[in-house]
N, C-alpha and C. Protein backbone atom coordinates (compact mmCIF):
# COMPACT_ATOMS: atom_id res chain seq x y z
N MET A 1 25.41 1.03 -41.45
CA MET A 1 25.56 1.02 -40.01
C MET A 1 24.86 -0.20 -39.43
N SER A 2 25.54 -0.93 -38.61
CA SER A 2 24.99 -2.13 -38.01
C SER A 2 24.28 -1.77 -36.71
N ILE A 3 23.09 -2.30 -36.53
CA ILE A 3 22.33 -2.04 -35.31
C ILE A 3 22.52 -3.21 -34.36
N VAL A 4 22.87 -2.90 -33.11
CA VAL A 4 23.07 -3.94 -32.10
C VAL A 4 21.71 -4.49 -31.72
N LYS A 5 21.59 -5.78 -31.81
CA LYS A 5 20.32 -6.42 -31.47
C LYS A 5 20.33 -6.79 -29.99
N PRO A 6 19.21 -6.52 -29.28
CA PRO A 6 19.17 -6.85 -27.86
C PRO A 6 19.14 -8.35 -27.65
N ARG A 7 19.75 -8.79 -26.60
CA ARG A 7 19.76 -10.20 -26.23
C ARG A 7 19.20 -10.31 -24.83
N SER A 8 18.44 -11.37 -24.57
CA SER A 8 17.85 -11.54 -23.26
C SER A 8 18.91 -11.69 -22.18
N MET A 9 19.94 -12.40 -22.46
CA MET A 9 21.05 -12.58 -21.52
C MET A 9 22.35 -12.53 -22.33
N PRO A 10 23.47 -12.09 -21.72
CA PRO A 10 24.70 -11.99 -22.50
C PRO A 10 25.25 -13.34 -22.97
N THR A 11 25.01 -14.40 -22.21
CA THR A 11 25.51 -15.73 -22.60
C THR A 11 24.46 -16.77 -22.25
N GLY A 12 24.66 -17.97 -22.75
CA GLY A 12 23.80 -19.08 -22.37
C GLY A 12 22.59 -19.25 -23.25
N ALA A 13 21.67 -20.11 -22.79
CA ALA A 13 20.50 -20.50 -23.57
C ALA A 13 19.56 -19.33 -23.85
N ARG A 14 19.56 -18.31 -22.98
CA ARG A 14 18.66 -17.18 -23.20
C ARG A 14 19.29 -16.10 -24.06
N ASN A 15 20.48 -16.36 -24.61
CA ASN A 15 21.15 -15.39 -25.47
C ASN A 15 20.56 -15.49 -26.87
N VAL A 16 19.31 -15.07 -27.01
CA VAL A 16 18.59 -15.13 -28.27
C VAL A 16 17.88 -13.80 -28.50
N VAL A 17 17.59 -13.52 -29.75
CA VAL A 17 16.78 -12.35 -30.06
C VAL A 17 15.34 -12.80 -30.03
N ARG A 18 14.52 -12.09 -29.30
CA ARG A 18 13.11 -12.44 -29.21
C ARG A 18 12.28 -11.34 -29.85
N ALA A 19 11.10 -11.69 -30.30
CA ALA A 19 10.26 -10.73 -31.01
C ALA A 19 9.92 -9.51 -30.15
N ASN A 20 9.79 -9.70 -28.83
CA ASN A 20 9.40 -8.59 -27.97
C ASN A 20 10.60 -7.89 -27.32
N ASP A 21 11.82 -8.24 -27.69
CA ASP A 21 13.00 -7.57 -27.14
C ASP A 21 13.08 -6.15 -27.68
N SER A 22 13.56 -5.26 -26.85
CA SER A 22 13.80 -3.90 -27.30
C SER A 22 15.10 -3.41 -26.69
N ALA A 23 15.62 -2.34 -27.23
CA ALA A 23 16.95 -1.88 -26.84
C ALA A 23 17.05 -1.48 -25.37
N SER A 24 15.97 -1.04 -24.76
CA SER A 24 16.09 -0.57 -23.39
C SER A 24 15.37 -1.47 -22.38
N LEU A 25 15.02 -2.69 -22.76
CA LEU A 25 14.30 -3.58 -21.86
C LEU A 25 15.24 -4.35 -20.93
N TRP A 26 16.34 -4.85 -21.46
CA TRP A 26 17.20 -5.72 -20.68
C TRP A 26 18.38 -4.94 -20.12
N ASN A 27 18.67 -5.14 -18.84
CA ASN A 27 19.78 -4.43 -18.20
C ASN A 27 21.13 -4.82 -18.76
N CYS A 28 21.24 -5.97 -19.39
CA CYS A 28 22.55 -6.47 -19.83
C CYS A 28 22.89 -6.01 -21.25
N THR A 29 22.11 -5.12 -21.83
CA THR A 29 22.44 -4.58 -23.14
C THR A 29 22.72 -3.10 -23.03
N LEU A 30 23.37 -2.55 -24.05
CA LEU A 30 23.51 -1.11 -24.10
C LEU A 30 22.12 -0.53 -24.20
N SER A 31 21.80 0.43 -23.37
CA SER A 31 20.43 0.88 -23.28
C SER A 31 20.33 2.39 -23.27
N PRO A 32 19.51 2.93 -24.16
CA PRO A 32 19.31 4.37 -24.11
C PRO A 32 18.41 4.77 -22.94
N GLY A 33 17.66 3.81 -22.39
CA GLY A 33 16.78 4.10 -21.26
C GLY A 33 15.69 5.08 -21.64
N TRP A 34 15.31 5.89 -20.68
CA TRP A 34 14.25 6.88 -20.87
C TRP A 34 14.85 8.27 -20.86
N THR A 35 14.53 9.05 -21.85
CA THR A 35 14.95 10.44 -21.84
C THR A 35 13.95 11.23 -20.98
N ASN A 36 14.34 12.42 -20.59
CA ASN A 36 13.43 13.27 -19.81
C ASN A 36 12.17 13.57 -20.61
N ASP A 37 12.30 13.76 -21.92
CA ASP A 37 11.14 14.02 -22.77
C ASP A 37 10.19 12.82 -22.79
N GLU A 38 10.75 11.60 -22.87
CA GLU A 38 9.91 10.39 -22.88
C GLU A 38 9.19 10.23 -21.55
N VAL A 39 9.87 10.53 -20.45
CA VAL A 39 9.23 10.44 -19.13
C VAL A 39 8.08 11.43 -19.05
N ALA A 40 8.29 12.64 -19.57
CA ALA A 40 7.23 13.66 -19.56
C ALA A 40 6.04 13.21 -20.40
N VAL A 41 6.30 12.56 -21.54
CA VAL A 41 5.21 12.07 -22.40
C VAL A 41 4.46 10.95 -21.68
N LEU A 42 5.18 10.01 -21.05
CA LEU A 42 4.53 8.92 -20.32
C LEU A 42 3.67 9.49 -19.19
N ARG A 43 4.20 10.47 -18.48
CA ARG A 43 3.45 11.11 -17.38
C ARG A 43 2.12 11.66 -17.90
N GLN A 44 2.16 12.40 -19.01
CA GLN A 44 0.94 12.96 -19.59
C GLN A 44 0.00 11.84 -20.08
N ALA A 45 0.56 10.79 -20.66
CA ALA A 45 -0.25 9.67 -21.15
C ALA A 45 -0.95 8.96 -19.99
N LEU A 46 -0.26 8.81 -18.86
CA LEU A 46 -0.87 8.16 -17.70
C LEU A 46 -2.00 9.00 -17.13
N ILE A 47 -1.83 10.31 -17.14
CA ILE A 47 -2.91 11.20 -16.67
C ILE A 47 -4.09 11.11 -17.63
N LYS A 48 -3.81 11.13 -18.92
CA LYS A 48 -4.87 11.12 -19.93
C LYS A 48 -5.62 9.78 -19.99
N PHE A 49 -4.87 8.66 -20.06
CA PHE A 49 -5.49 7.36 -20.29
C PHE A 49 -5.69 6.53 -19.02
N GLY A 50 -4.97 6.84 -17.96
CA GLY A 50 -5.08 6.07 -16.72
C GLY A 50 -3.91 5.12 -16.55
N ILE A 51 -3.56 4.89 -15.29
CA ILE A 51 -2.46 3.98 -14.96
C ILE A 51 -2.81 2.58 -15.46
N GLY A 52 -1.88 1.98 -16.18
CA GLY A 52 -2.06 0.60 -16.64
C GLY A 52 -2.82 0.46 -17.95
N ASN A 53 -3.27 1.56 -18.53
CA ASN A 53 -4.00 1.45 -19.80
C ASN A 53 -2.99 1.50 -20.95
N TRP A 54 -2.16 0.47 -20.99
CA TRP A 54 -1.04 0.42 -21.94
C TRP A 54 -1.52 0.38 -23.38
N ALA A 55 -2.63 -0.30 -23.63
CA ALA A 55 -3.14 -0.41 -25.01
C ALA A 55 -3.44 0.97 -25.58
N LYS A 56 -4.07 1.82 -24.81
CA LYS A 56 -4.39 3.18 -25.27
C LYS A 56 -3.12 3.99 -25.52
N ILE A 57 -2.13 3.82 -24.63
CA ILE A 57 -0.88 4.55 -24.79
C ILE A 57 -0.18 4.10 -26.07
N ILE A 58 -0.15 2.79 -26.30
CA ILE A 58 0.48 2.26 -27.52
C ILE A 58 -0.27 2.74 -28.76
N GLU A 59 -1.62 2.70 -28.71
CA GLU A 59 -2.43 3.16 -29.85
C GLU A 59 -2.20 4.63 -30.16
N SER A 60 -1.91 5.43 -29.14
CA SER A 60 -1.70 6.86 -29.36
C SER A 60 -0.40 7.16 -30.10
N GLU A 61 0.50 6.18 -30.17
CA GLU A 61 1.79 6.29 -30.86
C GLU A 61 2.64 7.44 -30.34
N CYS A 62 2.48 7.75 -29.05
CA CYS A 62 3.28 8.83 -28.46
C CYS A 62 4.62 8.33 -27.93
N LEU A 63 4.75 7.02 -27.76
CA LEU A 63 6.00 6.43 -27.25
C LEU A 63 6.38 5.22 -28.09
N LEU A 64 6.62 5.43 -29.37
CA LEU A 64 6.99 4.33 -30.25
C LEU A 64 8.27 3.65 -29.74
N GLY A 65 8.26 2.34 -29.78
CA GLY A 65 9.45 1.60 -29.39
C GLY A 65 9.48 1.19 -27.94
N LYS A 66 8.58 1.71 -27.13
CA LYS A 66 8.54 1.33 -25.72
C LYS A 66 7.55 0.18 -25.55
N THR A 67 7.97 -0.81 -24.79
CA THR A 67 7.11 -1.97 -24.54
C THR A 67 6.27 -1.74 -23.29
N ILE A 68 5.28 -2.59 -23.11
CA ILE A 68 4.44 -2.51 -21.91
C ILE A 68 5.31 -2.68 -20.66
N ALA A 69 6.24 -3.63 -20.70
CA ALA A 69 7.10 -3.87 -19.54
C ALA A 69 7.92 -2.62 -19.21
N GLN A 70 8.43 -1.94 -20.22
CA GLN A 70 9.22 -0.73 -20.00
C GLN A 70 8.35 0.38 -19.41
N MET A 71 7.14 0.55 -19.97
CA MET A 71 6.26 1.60 -19.45
C MET A 71 5.84 1.30 -18.02
N ASN A 72 5.56 0.02 -17.72
CA ASN A 72 5.16 -0.36 -16.37
C ASN A 72 6.28 -0.08 -15.37
N LEU A 73 7.51 -0.46 -15.72
CA LEU A 73 8.63 -0.23 -14.83
C LEU A 73 8.87 1.27 -14.61
N GLN A 74 8.78 2.05 -15.68
CA GLN A 74 8.96 3.49 -15.53
C GLN A 74 7.84 4.09 -14.68
N THR A 75 6.63 3.57 -14.82
CA THR A 75 5.51 4.03 -13.99
C THR A 75 5.78 3.72 -12.52
N GLN A 76 6.32 2.53 -12.23
CA GLN A 76 6.69 2.19 -10.85
C GLN A 76 7.71 3.19 -10.32
N ARG A 77 8.69 3.54 -11.15
CA ARG A 77 9.70 4.52 -10.73
C ARG A 77 9.04 5.86 -10.39
N MET A 78 8.13 6.30 -11.25
CA MET A 78 7.48 7.60 -11.03
C MET A 78 6.59 7.57 -9.79
N LEU A 79 5.90 6.44 -9.57
CA LEU A 79 5.03 6.31 -8.40
C LEU A 79 5.83 6.11 -7.11
N GLY A 80 7.05 5.59 -7.26
CA GLY A 80 7.86 5.31 -6.09
C GLY A 80 7.44 4.06 -5.35
N GLN A 81 6.73 3.18 -6.02
CA GLN A 81 6.33 1.92 -5.41
C GLN A 81 6.19 0.84 -6.46
N GLN A 82 6.40 -0.40 -5.99
CA GLN A 82 6.44 -1.53 -6.89
C GLN A 82 5.05 -1.90 -7.43
N SER A 83 4.06 -1.94 -6.57
CA SER A 83 2.72 -2.34 -6.99
C SER A 83 1.96 -1.15 -7.55
N THR A 84 1.39 -1.35 -8.73
CA THR A 84 0.57 -0.28 -9.32
C THR A 84 -0.91 -0.61 -9.25
N ALA A 85 -1.26 -1.76 -8.65
CA ALA A 85 -2.65 -2.24 -8.65
C ALA A 85 -3.62 -1.24 -8.05
N GLU A 86 -3.22 -0.55 -6.99
CA GLU A 86 -4.15 0.37 -6.33
C GLU A 86 -4.40 1.64 -7.13
N PHE A 87 -3.64 1.83 -8.22
CA PHE A 87 -3.81 3.00 -9.08
C PHE A 87 -4.37 2.62 -10.45
N SER A 88 -4.57 1.34 -10.67
CA SER A 88 -4.99 0.84 -11.98
C SER A 88 -6.27 1.54 -12.45
N GLY A 89 -6.18 2.12 -13.64
CA GLY A 89 -7.34 2.80 -14.22
C GLY A 89 -7.54 4.22 -13.76
N LEU A 90 -6.80 4.67 -12.76
CA LEU A 90 -6.96 6.03 -12.25
C LEU A 90 -6.14 7.00 -13.10
N HIS A 91 -6.71 8.15 -13.35
CA HIS A 91 -6.07 9.19 -14.15
C HIS A 91 -5.36 10.15 -13.21
N ILE A 92 -4.18 9.74 -12.76
CA ILE A 92 -3.45 10.53 -11.77
C ILE A 92 -2.07 10.92 -12.29
N ASP A 93 -1.52 11.95 -11.66
CA ASP A 93 -0.15 12.36 -11.96
C ASP A 93 0.76 11.49 -11.11
N PRO A 94 1.54 10.61 -11.73
CA PRO A 94 2.38 9.69 -10.94
C PRO A 94 3.43 10.41 -10.10
N PHE A 95 3.82 11.62 -10.50
CA PHE A 95 4.82 12.36 -9.73
C PHE A 95 4.26 12.81 -8.38
N ILE A 96 2.95 13.09 -8.32
CA ILE A 96 2.34 13.48 -7.04
C ILE A 96 2.41 12.31 -6.07
N ILE A 97 2.05 11.12 -6.55
CA ILE A 97 2.11 9.92 -5.70
C ILE A 97 3.56 9.62 -5.34
N GLY A 98 4.46 9.78 -6.30
CA GLY A 98 5.88 9.55 -6.05
C GLY A 98 6.42 10.43 -4.94
N GLU A 99 6.01 11.70 -4.96
CA GLU A 99 6.46 12.62 -3.90
C GLU A 99 5.89 12.20 -2.55
N LEU A 100 4.61 11.83 -2.53
CA LEU A 100 4.01 11.37 -1.27
C LEU A 100 4.72 10.12 -0.76
N ASN A 101 5.00 9.18 -1.66
CA ASN A 101 5.67 7.94 -1.27
C ASN A 101 7.09 8.18 -0.79
N SER A 102 7.76 9.18 -1.34
CA SER A 102 9.14 9.45 -0.94
C SER A 102 9.22 9.95 0.51
N LYS A 103 8.10 10.47 1.02
CA LYS A 103 8.07 11.01 2.38
C LYS A 103 7.56 10.01 3.42
N LYS A 104 7.08 8.85 2.93
CA LYS A 104 6.55 7.85 3.86
C LYS A 104 7.68 7.16 4.60
N VAL A 105 7.54 7.06 5.89
CA VAL A 105 8.50 6.35 6.74
C VAL A 105 7.73 5.55 7.78
N GLY A 106 8.42 4.64 8.42
CA GLY A 106 7.79 3.86 9.47
C GLY A 106 8.18 2.41 9.41
N PRO A 107 7.82 1.67 10.43
CA PRO A 107 8.23 0.26 10.50
C PRO A 107 7.56 -0.62 9.43
N ASN A 108 6.42 -0.20 8.90
CA ASN A 108 5.72 -0.99 7.89
C ASN A 108 6.11 -0.62 6.47
N ILE A 109 6.98 0.41 6.32
CA ILE A 109 7.40 0.84 4.99
C ILE A 109 8.74 0.19 4.67
N LYS A 110 8.72 -0.69 3.70
CA LYS A 110 9.94 -1.38 3.25
C LYS A 110 10.27 -0.89 1.85
N ARG A 111 11.54 -0.65 1.60
CA ARG A 111 11.98 -0.16 0.30
C ARG A 111 13.03 -1.08 -0.31
N LYS A 112 12.99 -1.14 -1.62
CA LYS A 112 13.99 -1.86 -2.40
C LYS A 112 14.30 -0.99 -3.60
N ASN A 113 15.57 -0.59 -3.75
CA ASN A 113 15.98 0.31 -4.82
C ASN A 113 15.14 1.59 -4.85
N GLY A 114 14.74 2.06 -3.67
CA GLY A 114 13.97 3.30 -3.57
C GLY A 114 12.47 3.12 -3.70
N PHE A 115 12.02 1.93 -4.13
CA PHE A 115 10.59 1.66 -4.28
C PHE A 115 10.02 1.15 -2.96
N ILE A 116 8.80 1.55 -2.66
CA ILE A 116 8.08 0.92 -1.56
C ILE A 116 7.62 -0.44 -2.08
N VAL A 117 7.93 -1.49 -1.32
CA VAL A 117 7.55 -2.85 -1.73
C VAL A 117 6.59 -3.43 -0.70
N ASN A 118 5.73 -4.31 -1.17
CA ASN A 118 4.78 -4.98 -0.30
C ASN A 118 5.45 -6.22 0.28
N THR A 119 5.63 -6.22 1.59
CA THR A 119 6.28 -7.36 2.24
C THR A 119 5.29 -8.21 3.04
N GLU A 120 4.00 -7.85 2.94
CA GLU A 120 2.99 -8.56 3.73
C GLU A 120 2.27 -9.64 2.94
N GLY A 121 2.82 -10.07 1.83
CA GLY A 121 2.15 -11.07 1.01
C GLY A 121 1.23 -10.40 0.02
N LYS A 122 0.48 -11.21 -0.70
CA LYS A 122 -0.40 -10.69 -1.74
C LYS A 122 -1.55 -9.89 -1.13
N GLN A 123 -1.81 -8.72 -1.71
CA GLN A 123 -2.91 -7.89 -1.23
C GLN A 123 -4.23 -8.52 -1.66
N SER A 124 -5.22 -8.42 -0.81
CA SER A 124 -6.54 -8.96 -1.16
C SER A 124 -7.21 -8.02 -2.15
N ARG A 125 -8.14 -8.57 -2.90
CA ARG A 125 -8.90 -7.77 -3.87
C ARG A 125 -9.61 -6.62 -3.17
N GLU A 126 -10.15 -6.90 -2.00
CA GLU A 126 -10.87 -5.88 -1.24
C GLU A 126 -9.93 -4.74 -0.82
N ASP A 127 -8.70 -5.09 -0.40
CA ASP A 127 -7.72 -4.06 -0.03
C ASP A 127 -7.38 -3.17 -1.22
N ILE A 128 -7.18 -3.78 -2.36
CA ILE A 128 -6.84 -3.02 -3.56
C ILE A 128 -7.99 -2.09 -3.94
N ILE A 129 -9.22 -2.60 -3.91
CA ILE A 129 -10.40 -1.78 -4.24
C ILE A 129 -10.52 -0.61 -3.27
N GLN A 130 -10.29 -0.87 -1.97
CA GLN A 130 -10.37 0.19 -0.97
C GLN A 130 -9.30 1.25 -1.21
N ARG A 131 -8.07 0.82 -1.48
CA ARG A 131 -6.99 1.78 -1.75
C ARG A 131 -7.26 2.58 -3.01
N ARG A 132 -7.83 1.92 -4.03
CA ARG A 132 -8.16 2.63 -5.26
C ARG A 132 -9.19 3.72 -4.98
N LYS A 133 -10.18 3.42 -4.15
CA LYS A 133 -11.19 4.43 -3.77
C LYS A 133 -10.52 5.60 -3.06
N GLU A 134 -9.59 5.30 -2.15
CA GLU A 134 -8.89 6.35 -1.41
C GLU A 134 -8.04 7.20 -2.36
N ASN A 135 -7.46 6.59 -3.38
CA ASN A 135 -6.58 7.30 -4.30
C ASN A 135 -7.32 8.14 -5.33
N ARG A 136 -8.63 7.98 -5.42
CA ARG A 136 -9.42 8.78 -6.37
C ARG A 136 -9.29 10.28 -6.10
N VAL A 137 -8.94 10.67 -4.89
CA VAL A 137 -8.79 12.09 -4.57
C VAL A 137 -7.67 12.74 -5.39
N TYR A 138 -6.75 11.93 -5.92
CA TYR A 138 -5.64 12.45 -6.70
C TYR A 138 -5.94 12.48 -8.21
N GLU A 139 -7.12 12.03 -8.60
CA GLU A 139 -7.45 11.96 -10.03
C GLU A 139 -7.60 13.34 -10.64
N SER A 140 -7.19 13.43 -11.90
CA SER A 140 -7.38 14.66 -12.65
C SER A 140 -8.84 14.75 -13.10
N THR A 141 -9.26 15.94 -13.44
CA THR A 141 -10.64 16.11 -13.91
C THR A 141 -10.72 15.70 -15.38
N VAL A 142 -11.92 15.47 -15.84
CA VAL A 142 -12.14 15.12 -17.24
C VAL A 142 -11.63 16.25 -18.14
N GLU A 143 -11.86 17.49 -17.72
CA GLU A 143 -11.39 18.64 -18.51
C GLU A 143 -9.87 18.64 -18.63
N GLU A 144 -9.19 18.35 -17.53
CA GLU A 144 -7.72 18.30 -17.55
C GLU A 144 -7.22 17.20 -18.49
N ARG A 145 -7.87 16.04 -18.44
CA ARG A 145 -7.49 14.93 -19.32
C ARG A 145 -7.70 15.27 -20.78
N ASN A 146 -8.86 15.87 -21.07
CA ASN A 146 -9.17 16.20 -22.46
C ASN A 146 -8.26 17.29 -23.01
N ALA A 147 -7.70 18.10 -22.13
CA ALA A 147 -6.81 19.18 -22.56
C ALA A 147 -5.42 18.66 -22.94
N ILE A 148 -5.11 17.43 -22.54
CA ILE A 148 -3.79 16.87 -22.85
C ILE A 148 -3.76 16.40 -24.30
N ILE A 149 -2.83 16.96 -25.06
CA ILE A 149 -2.63 16.56 -26.46
C ILE A 149 -1.28 15.85 -26.54
N LEU A 150 -1.32 14.59 -26.93
CA LEU A 150 -0.09 13.80 -27.07
C LEU A 150 0.32 13.78 -28.54
N LYS A 151 1.53 14.21 -28.80
CA LYS A 151 2.04 14.20 -30.17
C LYS A 151 2.49 12.80 -30.55
N LYS A 152 2.19 12.42 -31.78
CA LYS A 152 2.69 11.13 -32.28
C LYS A 152 4.19 11.28 -32.56
N CYS A 153 4.91 10.19 -32.35
CA CYS A 153 6.35 10.20 -32.64
C CYS A 153 6.56 10.42 -34.13
N ALA A 154 7.54 11.24 -34.45
CA ALA A 154 7.83 11.56 -35.84
C ALA A 154 8.51 10.40 -36.56
N SER A 155 9.33 9.65 -35.85
CA SER A 155 10.04 8.55 -36.51
C SER A 155 10.20 7.39 -35.54
N LEU A 156 10.41 6.23 -36.13
CA LEU A 156 10.62 5.02 -35.34
C LEU A 156 12.05 4.99 -34.79
N PRO A 157 12.24 4.39 -33.61
CA PRO A 157 13.61 4.16 -33.14
C PRO A 157 14.34 3.26 -34.13
N PRO A 158 15.69 3.32 -34.19
CA PRO A 158 16.45 2.54 -35.18
C PRO A 158 16.11 1.05 -35.22
N ILE A 159 15.93 0.43 -34.07
CA ILE A 159 15.66 -1.01 -34.05
C ILE A 159 14.31 -1.30 -34.71
N LEU A 160 13.29 -0.47 -34.43
CA LEU A 160 11.99 -0.69 -35.05
C LEU A 160 12.05 -0.42 -36.55
N SER A 161 12.79 0.60 -36.94
CA SER A 161 12.94 0.89 -38.37
C SER A 161 13.59 -0.30 -39.08
N ASP A 162 14.60 -0.87 -38.43
CA ASP A 162 15.29 -2.04 -38.99
C ASP A 162 14.33 -3.22 -39.11
N LYS A 163 13.55 -3.46 -38.07
CA LYS A 163 12.59 -4.57 -38.10
C LYS A 163 11.52 -4.34 -39.17
N LYS A 164 11.07 -3.10 -39.31
CA LYS A 164 10.06 -2.78 -40.31
C LYS A 164 10.61 -3.02 -41.71
N ARG A 165 11.86 -2.61 -41.95
CA ARG A 165 12.50 -2.82 -43.25
C ARG A 165 12.65 -4.31 -43.54
N LYS A 166 13.08 -5.08 -42.53
CA LYS A 166 13.24 -6.53 -42.71
C LYS A 166 11.90 -7.20 -42.99
N LEU A 167 10.85 -6.74 -42.32
CA LEU A 167 9.52 -7.29 -42.56
C LEU A 167 9.09 -7.02 -44.00
N GLN A 168 9.33 -5.82 -44.50
CA GLN A 168 9.00 -5.49 -45.88
C GLN A 168 9.78 -6.37 -46.84
N ASP A 169 11.08 -6.58 -46.56
CA ASP A 169 11.90 -7.46 -47.40
C ASP A 169 11.34 -8.88 -47.43
N LEU A 170 10.92 -9.38 -46.27
CA LEU A 170 10.36 -10.73 -46.19
C LEU A 170 9.04 -10.83 -46.95
N LYS A 171 8.22 -9.79 -46.88
CA LYS A 171 6.96 -9.79 -47.62
C LYS A 171 7.22 -9.84 -49.12
N GLU A 172 8.21 -9.08 -49.59
CA GLU A 172 8.56 -9.10 -51.01
C GLU A 172 9.08 -10.47 -51.42
N GLU A 173 9.91 -11.07 -50.57
CA GLU A 173 10.45 -12.40 -50.85
C GLU A 173 9.33 -13.43 -50.91
N LEU A 174 8.39 -13.34 -49.98
CA LEU A 174 7.25 -14.26 -49.97
C LEU A 174 6.41 -14.09 -51.23
N SER A 175 6.19 -12.86 -51.63
CA SER A 175 5.43 -12.60 -52.85
C SER A 175 6.10 -13.24 -54.07
N ASN A 176 7.42 -13.10 -54.17
CA ASN A 176 8.17 -13.73 -55.28
C ASN A 176 8.07 -15.24 -55.24
N ILE A 177 8.16 -15.82 -54.07
CA ILE A 177 8.06 -17.28 -53.93
C ILE A 177 6.67 -17.76 -54.34
N LEU A 178 5.64 -17.01 -53.93
CA LEU A 178 4.27 -17.39 -54.32
C LEU A 178 4.08 -17.32 -55.84
N LEU A 179 4.69 -16.33 -56.47
CA LEU A 179 4.64 -16.26 -57.94
C LEU A 179 5.32 -17.46 -58.57
N GLN A 180 6.48 -17.85 -58.03
CA GLN A 180 7.21 -19.01 -58.55
C GLN A 180 6.39 -20.29 -58.36
N ILE A 181 5.74 -20.41 -57.22
CA ILE A 181 4.89 -21.58 -56.97
C ILE A 181 3.76 -21.63 -58.00
N GLY A 182 3.14 -20.48 -58.26
CA GLY A 182 2.07 -20.41 -59.26
C GLY A 182 2.55 -20.84 -60.64
N GLU A 183 3.75 -20.39 -61.03
CA GLU A 183 4.32 -20.78 -62.32
C GLU A 183 4.61 -22.28 -62.36
N CYS A 184 5.12 -22.83 -61.26
CA CYS A 184 5.39 -24.28 -61.20
C CYS A 184 4.11 -25.08 -61.33
N LYS A 185 3.04 -24.61 -60.67
CA LYS A 185 1.76 -25.32 -60.76
C LYS A 185 1.25 -25.35 -62.20
N LYS A 186 1.40 -24.21 -62.91
CA LYS A 186 0.98 -24.15 -64.31
C LYS A 186 1.77 -25.16 -65.15
N LYS A 187 3.08 -25.23 -64.93
CA LYS A 187 3.93 -26.16 -65.68
C LYS A 187 3.55 -27.60 -65.38
N ILE A 188 3.24 -27.89 -64.11
CA ILE A 188 2.82 -29.25 -63.73
C ILE A 188 1.52 -29.60 -64.42
N GLU A 189 0.59 -28.65 -64.45
CA GLU A 189 -0.69 -28.89 -65.14
C GLU A 189 -0.47 -29.16 -66.63
N ILE A 190 0.40 -28.37 -67.25
CA ILE A 190 0.69 -28.57 -68.69
C ILE A 190 1.30 -29.96 -68.91
N CYS A 191 2.25 -30.33 -68.06
CA CYS A 191 2.88 -31.66 -68.18
C CYS A 191 1.86 -32.78 -67.97
N ALA A 192 0.98 -32.59 -67.00
CA ALA A 192 -0.04 -33.61 -66.72
C ALA A 192 -0.97 -33.76 -67.90
N ASN A 193 -1.35 -32.63 -68.53
CA ASN A 193 -2.25 -32.67 -69.69
C ASN A 193 -1.56 -33.32 -70.89
N ILE A 194 -0.27 -33.07 -71.06
CA ILE A 194 0.48 -33.67 -72.17
C ILE A 194 0.57 -35.19 -71.98
N SER A 195 0.85 -35.63 -70.75
CA SER A 195 1.00 -37.07 -70.50
C SER A 195 -0.32 -37.79 -70.62
N LYS A 196 -1.45 -37.11 -70.44
CA LYS A 196 -2.78 -37.74 -70.60
C LYS A 196 -3.10 -37.98 -72.06
N GLN A 197 -2.48 -37.18 -72.92
CA GLN A 197 -2.81 -37.28 -74.36
C GLN A 197 -2.18 -38.44 -74.97
């Protein structure tokens, strides 16, 4: 069975396979997207590890095959807003914030594709820190976080399995080449010793 490799763009100079490409990252490829189960796992991981703590989520192996960009975009969808800075590091349920954001209206609330977007320019560091303090009221307790058990994925997605197999094949090929190089060096040494005599 042939696995379709993701391409950054369908045509042109960016129509290349890149190391960080994945099947559901680019809109122009066939994409399985996020299943309801994966969204539920990400939700629990965000509560447990905190918004934006992608390294911990990846280390937990609960969402194999998902990239940081994919998790960040899905988090924006769950929060209902484009900027996640004011929630960074907070252990919150993104669906609670998403519901609150879905009810916000007014002349200062601008939306794009359902997300609240910042149209006032870059937020200052002080504004972000203040909003983060205000959002702490939505944080889960340490006990709630510790009670969350994230299961490791049982198997790799097909594209990762394919990449892992190809990597193993390349390692074996490299090992064989290194053995051949070692044999050639021995033969060169023998020839050099013979010619010295």
